[in-house]
Amino acid sequence: MAQAEDLVVFKAVAARPKDIEDATALLVLYPRIDRVRVRQRVRQLAALAEDPAAIGALEAAMAAAGAPKLRGARKRPKRMSAATRASLRATKPRSRKAR
């Protein structure tokens, strides 16, 4: 199954105005897209096709999408209290040792 990164690459290689709009929408909807990987792949394909238009299309889509806006920074998980750890240990089934 194609991932969002793959679709952006395909859209950039096609480089039609509608494809650039679609790539922009994907970049906005999926802010965690690996933009470095997408750029590398588009550059590789543009070099093979000897057509630099794909690179320009990708850069236009990325500029239109703007910088990725992540929804909040990752938070550290809260530490369990000693009482919680003890209650979890008490309810956890103990393994039987082989005799």
Protein backbone atom coordinates (compact mmCIF):
# COMPACT_ATOMS: atom_id res chain seq x y z
CA MET A 1 0.00 0.00 0.00
CA ALA A 2 1.28 3.44 -0.88
CA GLN A 3 2.15 5.77 1.96
CA ALA A 4 1.58 9.52 1.97
CA GLU A 5 5.27 10.08 1.14
CA ASP A 6 4.94 7.88 -1.95
CA LEU A 7 1.87 9.78 -3.13
CA VAL A 8 3.66 13.11 -2.77
CA VAL A 9 6.55 11.73 -4.85
CA PHE A 10 4.16 10.53 -7.58
CA LYS A 11 2.34 13.85 -7.62
CA ALA A 12 5.60 15.81 -7.85
CA VAL A 13 6.84 13.66 -10.74
CA ALA A 14 3.56 14.22 -12.64
CA ALA A 15 3.97 17.99 -12.00
CA ARG A 16 0.56 19.04 -13.36
CA PRO A 17 -1.16 21.94 -11.55
CA LYS A 18 -3.76 19.56 -10.06
CA ASP A 19 -0.98 17.21 -8.89
CA ILE A 20 0.84 20.08 -7.18
CA GLU A 21 -2.41 20.99 -5.39
CA ASP A 22 -2.85 17.36 -4.34
CA ALA A 23 0.74 17.16 -3.08
CA THR A 24 0.22 20.37 -1.11
CA ALA A 25 -2.95 18.95 0.45
CA LEU A 26 -1.12 15.75 1.42
CA LEU A 27 1.69 17.75 3.01
CA VAL A 28 -0.83 19.76 5.03
CA LEU A 29 -2.92 16.74 6.06
CA TYR A 30 0.10 14.62 7.00
CA PRO A 31 2.58 16.98 8.70
CA ARG A 32 4.84 14.10 9.77
CA ILE A 33 5.76 13.24 6.17
CA ASP A 34 9.50 12.70 5.88
CA ARG A 35 10.27 15.66 3.61
CA VAL A 36 13.95 14.79 3.33
CA ARG A 37 13.12 11.31 2.02
CA VAL A 38 10.57 12.76 -0.41
CA ARG A 39 13.09 15.28 -1.74
CA GLN A 40 15.74 12.59 -2.21
CA ARG A 41 13.37 10.30 -4.09
CA VAL A 42 12.06 13.08 -6.35
CA ARG A 43 15.64 14.14 -7.16
CA GLN A 44 16.52 10.55 -8.05
CA LEU A 45 13.50 10.15 -10.31
CA ALA A 46 14.00 13.59 -11.91
CA ALA A 47 17.61 12.67 -12.71
CA LEU A 48 16.54 9.35 -14.26
CA ALA A 49 13.88 11.10 -16.33
CA GLU A 50 16.28 13.95 -17.14
CA ASP A 51 13.45 16.33 -16.22
CA PRO A 52 14.06 18.83 -13.39
CA ALA A 53 10.40 19.95 -13.44
CA ALA A 54 9.57 17.42 -10.73
CA ILE A 55 11.95 19.12 -8.30
CA GLY A 56 10.32 22.49 -8.95
CA ALA A 57 6.86 20.99 -8.52
CA LEU A 58 7.82 19.45 -5.20
CA GLU A 59 9.39 22.67 -3.92
CA ALA A 60 6.25 24.59 -4.95
CA ALA A 61 4.04 22.14 -3.07
CA MET A 62 6.25 22.26 0.02
CA ALA A 63 6.32 26.06 -0.04
CA ALA A 64 2.54 26.23 -0.40
CA ALA A 65 2.10 23.74 2.46
CA GLY A 66 4.40 25.73 4.71
CA ALA A 67 6.40 24.34 7.59
CA PRO A 68 4.89 21.27 9.21
CA LYS A 69 2.77 22.21 12.20
CA LEU A 70 2.82 19.36 14.66
CA ARG A 71 -0.02 19.17 17.14
CA GLY A 72 1.83 19.62 20.38
CA ALA A 73 5.20 18.41 21.41
CA ARG A 74 5.66 14.89 22.59
CA LYS A 75 5.18 14.68 26.29
CA ARG A 76 7.06 12.43 28.62
CA PRO A 77 4.97 9.68 30.12
CA LYS A 78 4.10 10.31 33.74
CA ARG A 79 5.97 8.26 36.28
CA MET A 80 3.98 5.73 38.23
CA SER A 81 3.72 6.21 41.92
CA ALA A 82 5.11 3.56 44.22
CA ALA A 83 1.57 2.63 45.26
CA THR A 84 0.54 2.06 41.63
CA ARG A 85 3.61 -0.09 40.93
CA ALA A 86 2.90 -2.13 44.07
CA SER A 87 -0.73 -2.69 43.12
CA LEU A 88 0.28 -3.78 39.62
CA ARG A 89 2.79 -6.25 41.05
CA ALA A 90 0.16 -7.64 43.42
CA THR A 91 -2.32 -8.30 40.60
CA LYS A 92 0.25 -9.69 38.16
CA PRO A 93 0.14 -13.51 37.98
CA ARG A 94 3.34 -15.11 39.13
CA SER A 95 5.03 -17.63 36.94
CA ARG A 96 5.48 -21.13 38.33
CA LYS A 97 8.97 -22.44 38.57
CA ALA A 98 9.66 -25.77 36.97
CA ARG A 99 10.48 -28.50 39.48
